[in-house]
Amino acid sequence: PGKQRDLVAVITDIGSTNYADSVKGRFAISRDN
C-alpha cells in the first residue's frame, strides 16, 4: 500500500538467485523447469 513495485527475488534457468535485502534469509525462491 502506497509503495512502488519492488523486486523480491529472481532465479535463472540454471538456478542462480538474487534477493532483496529486506527478505534475504526469510524467503526462498525455487523453480521446476
PDB file of all heavy atoms in Angstrom:
ATOM      1  N   PRO A   1       0.829  -1.210   0.000  1.00  0.00           N
ATOM      2  CA  PRO A   1       0.000   0.000   0.000  1.00  0.00           C
ATOM      3  C   PRO A   1       0.863   1.259   0.000  1.00  0.00           C
ATOM      4  O   PRO A   1       1.723   1.431   0.869  1.00  0.00           O
ATOM      5  CB  PRO A   1      -0.808  -0.117   1.290  1.00  0.00           C
ATOM      6  CG  PRO A   1      -0.808  -1.585   1.606  1.00  0.00           C
ATOM      7  CD  PRO A   1       0.525  -2.085   1.139  1.00  0.00           C
ATOM      8  N   GLY A   2       0.642   2.128  -0.963  1.00  0.00           N
ATOM      9  CA  GLY A   2       1.374   3.376  -1.050  1.00  0.00           C
ATOM     10  C   GLY A   2       2.833   3.240  -1.437  1.00  0.00           C
ATOM     11  O   GLY A   2       3.596   4.198  -1.265  1.00  0.00           O
ATOM     12  N   LYS A   3       3.228   2.083  -1.955  1.00  0.00           N
ATOM     13  CA  LYS A   3       4.617   1.839  -2.313  1.00  0.00           C
ATOM     14  C   LYS A   3       4.758   1.503  -3.794  1.00  0.00           C
ATOM     15  O   LYS A   3       3.792   1.186  -4.476  1.00  0.00           O
ATOM     16  CB  LYS A   3       5.193   0.696  -1.473  1.00  0.00           C
ATOM     17  CG  LYS A   3       5.178   0.943   0.032  1.00  0.00           C
ATOM     18  CD  LYS A   3       5.756  -0.246   0.781  1.00  0.00           C
ATOM     19  CE  LYS A   3       5.737  -0.020   2.279  1.00  0.00           C
ATOM     20  NZ  LYS A   3       6.279  -1.197   3.014  1.00  0.00           N
ATOM     21  N   GLN A   4       5.999   1.571  -4.279  1.00  0.00           N
ATOM     22  CA  GLN A   4       6.311   1.170  -5.638  1.00  0.00           C
ATOM     23  C   GLN A   4       6.432  -0.346  -5.733  1.00  0.00           C
ATOM     24  O   GLN A   4       6.579  -1.038  -4.725  1.00  0.00           O
ATOM     25  CB  GLN A   4       7.617   1.821  -6.097  1.00  0.00           C
ATOM     26  CG  GLN A   4       7.574   3.335  -6.171  1.00  0.00           C
ATOM     27  CD  GLN A   4       8.882   3.925  -6.656  1.00  0.00           C
ATOM     28  OE1 GLN A   4       9.904   3.232  -6.729  1.00  0.00           O
ATOM     29  NE2 GLN A   4       8.866   5.194  -6.998  1.00  0.00           N
ATOM     30  N   ARG A   5       6.372  -0.857  -6.961  1.00  0.00           N
ATOM     31  CA  ARG A   5       6.589  -2.274  -7.186  1.00  0.00           C
ATOM     32  C   ARG A   5       8.086  -2.566  -7.153  1.00  0.00           C
ATOM     33  O   ARG A   5       8.849  -2.016  -7.949  1.00  0.00           O
ATOM     34  CB  ARG A   5       5.989  -2.707  -8.521  1.00  0.00           C
ATOM     35  CG  ARG A   5       6.061  -4.207  -8.761  1.00  0.00           C
ATOM     36  CD  ARG A   5       5.444  -4.623 -10.084  1.00  0.00           C
ATOM     37  NE  ARG A   5       4.026  -4.306 -10.150  1.00  0.00           N
ATOM     38  CZ  ARG A   5       3.218  -4.711 -11.120  1.00  0.00           C
ATOM     39  NH1 ARG A   5       3.689  -5.460 -12.111  1.00  0.00           N
ATOM     40  NH2 ARG A   5       1.944  -4.360 -11.101  1.00  0.00           N
ATOM     41  N   ASP A   6       8.504  -3.421  -6.226  1.00  0.00           N
ATOM     42  CA  ASP A   6       9.916  -3.699  -5.998  1.00  0.00           C
ATOM     43  C   ASP A   6      10.226  -5.178  -6.179  1.00  0.00           C
ATOM     44  O   ASP A   6       9.377  -6.045  -5.967  1.00  0.00           O
ATOM     45  CB  ASP A   6      10.336  -3.283  -4.584  1.00  0.00           C
ATOM     46  CG  ASP A   6      10.261  -1.789  -4.356  1.00  0.00           C
ATOM     47  OD1 ASP A   6      10.562  -1.032  -5.291  1.00  0.00           O
ATOM     48  OD2 ASP A   6       9.908  -1.380  -3.227  1.00  0.00           O
ATOM     49  N   LEU A   7      11.469  -5.449  -6.532  1.00  0.00           N
ATOM     50  CA  LEU A   7      11.959  -6.819  -6.657  1.00  0.00           C
ATOM     51  C   LEU A   7      11.945  -7.518  -5.309  1.00  0.00           C
ATOM     52  O   LEU A   7      12.364  -6.948  -4.298  1.00  0.00           O
ATOM     53  CB  LEU A   7      13.385  -6.808  -7.211  1.00  0.00           C
ATOM     54  CG  LEU A   7      14.122  -8.141  -7.216  1.00  0.00           C
ATOM     55  CD1 LEU A   7      13.540  -9.056  -8.282  1.00  0.00           C
ATOM     56  CD2 LEU A   7      15.615  -7.934  -7.443  1.00  0.00           C
ATOM     57  N   VAL A   8      11.484  -8.761  -5.279  1.00  0.00           N
ATOM     58  CA  VAL A   8      11.572  -9.620  -4.111  1.00  0.00           C
ATOM     59  C   VAL A   8      12.676 -10.648  -4.305  1.00  0.00           C
ATOM     60  O   VAL A   8      13.598 -10.751  -3.494  1.00  0.00           O
ATOM     61  CB  VAL A   8      10.240 -10.322  -3.818  1.00  0.00           C
ATOM     62  CG1 VAL A   8      10.383 -11.259  -2.618  1.00  0.00           C
ATOM     63  CG2 VAL A   8       9.137  -9.306  -3.574  1.00  0.00           C
ATOM     64  N   ALA A   9      12.589 -11.426  -5.370  1.00  0.00           N
ATOM     65  CA  ALA A   9      13.572 -12.465  -5.645  1.00  0.00           C
ATOM     66  C   ALA A   9      13.470 -12.887  -7.097  1.00  0.00           C
ATOM     67  O   ALA A   9      12.385 -12.843  -7.690  1.00  0.00           O
ATOM     68  CB  ALA A   9      13.368 -13.679  -4.737  1.00  0.00           C
ATOM     69  N   VAL A  10      14.595 -13.301  -7.679  1.00  0.00           N
ATOM     70  CA  VAL A  10      14.617 -13.828  -9.037  1.00  0.00           C
ATOM     71  C   VAL A  10      15.481 -15.071  -9.074  1.00  0.00           C
ATOM     72  O   VAL A  10      16.365 -15.259  -8.231  1.00  0.00           O
ATOM     73  CB  VAL A  10      15.139 -12.799 -10.072  1.00  0.00           C
ATOM     74  CG1 VAL A  10      14.171 -11.631 -10.203  1.00  0.00           C
ATOM     75  CG2 VAL A  10      16.526 -12.307  -9.697  1.00  0.00           C
ATOM     76  N   ILE A  11      15.237 -15.922 -10.073  1.00  0.00           N
ATOM     77  CA  ILE A  11      16.005 -17.144 -10.248  1.00  0.00           C
ATOM     78  C   ILE A  11      16.146 -17.424 -11.736  1.00  0.00           C
ATOM     79  O   ILE A  11      15.181 -17.325 -12.492  1.00  0.00           O
ATOM     80  CB  ILE A  11      15.345 -18.328  -9.501  1.00  0.00           C
ATOM     81  CG1 ILE A  11      16.194 -19.589  -9.609  1.00  0.00           C
ATOM     82  CG2 ILE A  11      13.918 -18.560  -9.986  1.00  0.00           C
ATOM     83  CD1 ILE A  11      15.751 -20.700  -8.658  1.00  0.00           C
ATOM     84  N   THR A  12      17.354 -17.772 -12.167  1.00  0.00           N
ATOM     85  CA  THR A  12      17.608 -18.053 -13.571  1.00  0.00           C
ATOM     86  C   THR A  12      17.279 -19.499 -13.901  1.00  0.00           C
ATOM     87  O   THR A  12      16.967 -20.308 -13.024  1.00  0.00           O
ATOM     88  CB  THR A  12      19.071 -17.783 -13.942  1.00  0.00           C
ATOM     89  OG1 THR A  12      19.910 -18.784 -13.349  1.00  0.00           O
ATOM     90  CG2 THR A  12      19.516 -16.403 -13.461  1.00  0.00           C
ATOM     91  N   ASP A  13      17.384 -19.843 -15.190  1.00  0.00           N
ATOM     92  CA  ASP A  13      17.108 -21.206 -15.627  1.00  0.00           C
ATOM     93  C   ASP A  13      18.088 -22.209 -15.052  1.00  0.00           C
ATOM     94  O   ASP A  13      17.769 -23.405 -14.984  1.00  0.00           O
ATOM     95  CB  ASP A  13      17.114 -21.278 -17.159  1.00  0.00           C
ATOM     96  CG  ASP A  13      18.392 -20.724 -17.754  1.00  0.00           C
ATOM     97  OD1 ASP A  13      18.579 -19.492 -17.714  1.00  0.00           O
ATOM     98  OD2 ASP A  13      19.192 -21.522 -18.278  1.00  0.00           O
ATOM     99  N   ILE A  14      19.279 -21.764 -14.655  1.00  0.00           N
ATOM    100  CA  ILE A  14      20.260 -22.666 -14.073  1.00  0.00           C
ATOM    101  C   ILE A  14      20.323 -22.566 -12.554  1.00  0.00           C
ATOM    102  O   ILE A  14      21.196 -23.161 -11.923  1.00  0.00           O
ATOM    103  CB  ILE A  14      21.662 -22.457 -14.665  1.00  0.00           C
ATOM    104  CG1 ILE A  14      22.154 -21.035 -14.419  1.00  0.00           C
ATOM    105  CG2 ILE A  14      21.655 -22.779 -16.152  1.00  0.00           C
ATOM    106  CD1 ILE A  14      23.616 -20.840 -14.792  1.00  0.00           C
ATOM    107  N   GLY A  15      19.409 -21.799 -11.949  1.00  0.00           N
ATOM    108  CA  GLY A  15      19.275 -21.797 -10.509  1.00  0.00           C
ATOM    109  C   GLY A  15      19.988 -20.699  -9.757  1.00  0.00           C
ATOM    110  O   GLY A  15      19.977 -20.719  -8.512  1.00  0.00           O
ATOM    111  N   SER A  16      20.594 -19.748 -10.439  1.00  0.00           N
ATOM    112  CA  SER A  16      21.199 -18.614  -9.747  1.00  0.00           C
ATOM    113  C   SER A  16      20.104 -17.702  -9.202  1.00  0.00           C
ATOM    114  O   SER A  16      19.126 -17.428  -9.889  1.00  0.00           O
ATOM    115  CB  SER A  16      22.109 -17.831 -10.684  1.00  0.00           C
ATOM    116  OG  SER A  16      23.177 -18.640 -11.139  1.00  0.00           O
ATOM    117  N   THR A  17      20.279 -17.229  -7.974  1.00  0.00           N
ATOM    118  CA  THR A  17      19.240 -16.448  -7.308  1.00  0.00           C
ATOM    119  C   THR A  17      19.750 -15.092  -6.868  1.00  0.00           C
ATOM    120  O   THR A  17      20.947 -14.878  -6.672  1.00  0.00           O
ATOM    121  CB  THR A  17      18.699 -17.187  -6.078  1.00  0.00           C
ATOM    122  OG1 THR A  17      19.768 -17.422  -5.149  1.00  0.00           O
ATOM    123  CG2 THR A  17      18.080 -18.519  -6.474  1.00  0.00           C
ATOM    124  N   ASN A  18      18.805 -14.181  -6.695  1.00  0.00           N
ATOM    125  CA  ASN A  18      19.084 -12.870  -6.146  1.00  0.00           C
ATOM    126  C   ASN A  18      17.877 -12.443  -5.327  1.00  0.00           C
ATOM    127  O   ASN A  18      16.739 -12.625  -5.767  1.00  0.00           O
ATOM    128  CB  ASN A  18      19.373 -11.850  -7.248  1.00  0.00           C
ATOM    129  CG  ASN A  18      19.871 -10.530  -6.706  1.00  0.00           C
ATOM    130  OD1 ASN A  18      20.641 -10.490  -5.755  1.00  0.00           O
ATOM    131  ND2 ASN A  18      19.435  -9.433  -7.312  1.00  0.00           N
ATOM    132  N   TYR A  19      18.130 -11.873  -4.140  1.00  0.00           N
ATOM    133  CA  TYR A  19      17.066 -11.485  -3.229  1.00  0.00           C
ATOM    134  C   TYR A  19      17.197 -10.024  -2.831  1.00  0.00           C
ATOM    135  O   TYR A  19      18.301  -9.486  -2.723  1.00  0.00           O
ATOM    136  CB  TYR A  19      17.112 -12.317  -1.947  1.00  0.00           C
ATOM    137  CG  TYR A  19      16.839 -13.786  -2.122  1.00  0.00           C
ATOM    138  CD1 TYR A  19      17.877 -14.672  -2.370  1.00  0.00           C
ATOM    139  CD2 TYR A  19      15.547 -14.283  -2.012  1.00  0.00           C
ATOM    140  CE1 TYR A  19      17.630 -16.024  -2.518  1.00  0.00           C
ATOM    141  CE2 TYR A  19      15.298 -15.639  -2.159  1.00  0.00           C
ATOM    142  CZ  TYR A  19      16.340 -16.510  -2.410  1.00  0.00           C
ATOM    143  OH  TYR A  19      16.086 -17.853  -2.546  1.00  0.00           O
ATOM    144  N   ALA A  20      16.054  -9.401  -2.580  1.00  0.00           N
ATOM    145  CA  ALA A  20      16.062  -8.101  -1.942  1.00  0.00           C
ATOM    146  C   ALA A  20      16.618  -8.240  -0.530  1.00  0.00           C
ATOM    147  O   ALA A  20      16.387  -9.248   0.151  1.00  0.00           O
ATOM    148  CB  ALA A  20      14.658  -7.521  -1.894  1.00  0.00           C
ATOM    149  N   ASP A  21      17.350  -7.227  -0.081  1.00  0.00           N
ATOM    150  CA  ASP A  21      17.928  -7.285   1.261  1.00  0.00           C
ATOM    151  C   ASP A  21      16.860  -7.476   2.341  1.00  0.00           C
ATOM    152  O   ASP A  21      17.110  -8.121   3.361  1.00  0.00           O
ATOM    153  CB  ASP A  21      18.719  -6.012   1.544  1.00  0.00           C
ATOM    154  CG  ASP A  21      20.019  -5.941   0.766  1.00  0.00           C
ATOM    155  OD1 ASP A  21      20.497  -6.984   0.283  1.00  0.00           O
ATOM    156  OD2 ASP A  21      20.570  -4.830   0.648  1.00  0.00           O
ATOM    157  N   SER A  22      15.677  -6.945   2.118  1.00  0.00           N
ATOM    158  CA  SER A  22      14.630  -6.993   3.118  1.00  0.00           C
ATOM    159  C   SER A  22      14.068  -8.393   3.351  1.00  0.00           C
ATOM    160  O   SER A  22      13.431  -8.639   4.378  1.00  0.00           O
ATOM    161  CB  SER A  22      13.486  -6.047   2.738  1.00  0.00           C
ATOM    162  OG  SER A  22      12.936  -6.404   1.483  1.00  0.00           O
ATOM    163  N   VAL A  23      14.290  -9.316   2.413  1.00  0.00           N
ATOM    164  CA  VAL A  23      13.740 -10.665   2.544  1.00  0.00           C
ATOM    165  C   VAL A  23      14.816 -11.736   2.629  1.00  0.00           C
ATOM    166  O   VAL A  23      14.489 -12.904   2.894  1.00  0.00           O
ATOM    167  CB  VAL A  23      12.777 -11.000   1.390  1.00  0.00           C
ATOM    168  CG1 VAL A  23      11.698  -9.940   1.262  1.00  0.00           C
ATOM    169  CG2 VAL A  23      13.533 -11.162   0.077  1.00  0.00           C
ATOM    170  N   LYS A  24      16.052 -11.379   2.431  1.00  0.00           N
ATOM    171  CA  LYS A  24      17.140 -12.354   2.434  1.00  0.00           C
ATOM    172  C   LYS A  24      17.212 -13.059   3.783  1.00  0.00           C
ATOM    173  O   LYS A  24      17.204 -12.425   4.838  1.00  0.00           O
ATOM    174  CB  LYS A  24      18.466 -11.669   2.114  1.00  0.00           C
ATOM    175  CG  LYS A  24      19.588 -12.626   1.758  1.00  0.00           C
ATOM    176  CD  LYS A  24      20.805 -11.874   1.241  1.00  0.00           C
ATOM    177  CE  LYS A  24      21.887 -12.825   0.765  1.00  0.00           C
ATOM    178  NZ  LYS A  24      23.061 -12.097   0.215  1.00  0.00           N
ATOM    179  N   GLY A  25      17.285 -14.385   3.747  1.00  0.00           N
ATOM    180  CA  GLY A  25      17.291 -15.180   4.963  1.00  0.00           C
ATOM    181  C   GLY A  25      15.916 -15.595   5.442  1.00  0.00           C
ATOM    182  O   GLY A  25      15.810 -16.490   6.285  1.00  0.00           O
ATOM    183  N   ARG A  26      14.870 -14.963   4.927  1.00  0.00           N
ATOM    184  CA  ARG A  26      13.499 -15.309   5.299  1.00  0.00           C
ATOM    185  C   ARG A  26      12.728 -15.964   4.155  1.00  0.00           C
ATOM    186  O   ARG A  26      11.879 -16.824   4.395  1.00  0.00           O
ATOM    187  CB  ARG A  26      12.732 -14.065   5.754  1.00  0.00           C
ATOM    188  CG  ARG A  26      13.345 -13.378   6.967  1.00  0.00           C
ATOM    189  CD  ARG A  26      12.438 -12.279   7.495  1.00  0.00           C
ATOM    190  NE  ARG A  26      12.227 -11.216   6.506  1.00  0.00           N
ATOM    191  CZ  ARG A  26      11.046 -10.883   6.005  1.00  0.00           C
ATOM    192  NH1 ARG A  26       9.944 -11.519   6.397  1.00  0.00           N
ATOM    193  NH2 ARG A  26      10.943  -9.900   5.123  1.00  0.00           N
ATOM    194  N   PHE A  27      12.994 -15.531   2.927  1.00  0.00           N
ATOM    195  CA  PHE A  27      12.298 -16.056   1.755  1.00  0.00           C
ATOM    196  C   PHE A  27      13.237 -16.937   0.949  1.00  0.00           C
ATOM    197  O   PHE A  27      14.462 -16.740   0.953  1.00  0.00           O
ATOM    198  CB  PHE A  27      11.805 -14.921   0.852  1.00  0.00           C
ATOM    199  CG  PHE A  27      10.704 -14.074   1.416  1.00  0.00           C
ATOM    200  CD1 PHE A  27      10.294 -14.184   2.733  1.00  0.00           C
ATOM    201  CD2 PHE A  27      10.072 -13.145   0.600  1.00  0.00           C
ATOM    202  CE1 PHE A  27       9.281 -13.396   3.249  1.00  0.00           C
ATOM    203  CE2 PHE A  27       9.057 -12.351   1.101  1.00  0.00           C
ATOM    204  CZ  PHE A  27       8.660 -12.471   2.417  1.00  0.00           C
ATOM    205  N   ALA A  28      12.673 -17.894   0.227  1.00  0.00           N
ATOM    206  CA  ALA A  28      13.447 -18.757  -0.653  1.00  0.00           C
ATOM    207  C   ALA A  28      12.699 -18.954  -1.966  1.00  0.00           C
ATOM    208  O   ALA A  28      11.529 -19.345  -1.956  1.00  0.00           O
ATOM    209  CB  ALA A  28      13.726 -20.105   0.004  1.00  0.00           C
ATOM    210  N   ILE A  29      13.371 -18.669  -3.070  1.00  0.00           N
ATOM    211  CA  ILE A  29      12.784 -18.859  -4.383  1.00  0.00           C
ATOM    212  C   ILE A  29      13.307 -20.156  -4.986  1.00  0.00           C
ATOM    213  O   ILE A  29      14.470 -20.518  -4.796  1.00  0.00           O
ATOM    214  CB  ILE A  29      13.076 -17.653  -5.302  1.00  0.00           C
ATOM    215  CG1 ILE A  29      12.267 -17.747  -6.594  1.00  0.00           C
ATOM    216  CG2 ILE A  29      14.561 -17.512  -5.588  1.00  0.00           C
ATOM    217  CD1 ILE A  29      12.304 -16.474  -7.424  1.00  0.00           C
ATOM    218  N   SER A  30      12.447 -20.863  -5.705  1.00  0.00           N
ATOM    219  CA  SER A  30      12.829 -22.088  -6.382  1.00  0.00           C
ATOM    220  C   SER A  30      11.993 -22.238  -7.643  1.00  0.00           C
ATOM    221  O   SER A  30      11.020 -21.501  -7.846  1.00  0.00           O
ATOM    222  CB  SER A  30      12.655 -23.307  -5.466  1.00  0.00           C
ATOM    223  OG  SER A  30      11.303 -23.450  -5.068  1.00  0.00           O
ATOM    224  N   ARG A  31      12.377 -23.186  -8.503  1.00  0.00           N
ATOM    225  CA  ARG A  31      11.629 -23.393  -9.730  1.00  0.00           C
ATOM    226  C   ARG A  31      11.680 -24.842 -10.156  1.00  0.00           C
ATOM    227  O   ARG A  31      12.604 -25.588  -9.809  1.00  0.00           O
ATOM    228  CB  ARG A  31      12.150 -22.492 -10.859  1.00  0.00           C
ATOM    229  CG  ARG A  31      13.592 -22.739 -11.259  1.00  0.00           C
ATOM    230  CD  ARG A  31      14.071 -21.674 -12.250  1.00  0.00           C
ATOM    231  NE  ARG A  31      13.450 -21.834 -13.559  1.00  0.00           N
ATOM    232  CZ  ARG A  31      13.441 -20.898 -14.504  1.00  0.00           C
ATOM    233  NH1 ARG A  31      14.014 -19.727 -14.282  1.00  0.00           N
ATOM    234  NH2 ARG A  31      12.860 -21.138 -15.672  1.00  0.00           N
ATOM    235  N   ASP A  32      10.672 -25.236 -10.915  1.00  0.00           N
ATOM    236  CA  ASP A  32      10.587 -26.552 -11.526  1.00  0.00           C
ATOM    237  C   ASP A  32      10.551 -26.316 -13.026  1.00  0.00           C
ATOM    238  O   ASP A  32       9.515 -25.933 -13.576  1.00  0.00           O
ATOM    239  CB  ASP A  32       9.342 -27.291 -11.050  1.00  0.00           C
ATOM    240  CG  ASP A  32       9.247 -28.707 -11.578  1.00  0.00           C
ATOM    241  OD1 ASP A  32       9.834 -29.005 -12.630  1.00  0.00           O
ATOM    242  OD2 ASP A  32       8.581 -29.529 -10.926  1.00  0.00           O
ATOM    243  N   ASN A  33      11.680 -26.525 -13.686  1.00  0.00           N
ATOM    244  CA  ASN A  33      11.770 -26.220 -15.112  1.00  0.00           C
ATOM    245  C   ASN A  33      10.849 -27.099 -15.952  1.00  0.00           C
ATOM    246  O   ASN A  33      10.313 -26.649 -16.967  1.00  0.00           O
ATOM    247  CB  ASN A  33      13.214 -26.365 -15.590  1.00  0.00           C
ATOM    248  CG  ASN A  33      14.124 -25.283 -15.049  1.00  0.00           C
ATOM    249  OD1 ASN A  33      13.655 -24.233 -14.599  1.00  0.00           O
ATOM    250  ND2 ASN A  33      15.425 -25.529 -15.091  1.00  0.00           N
TER     251      ASN A  33
END
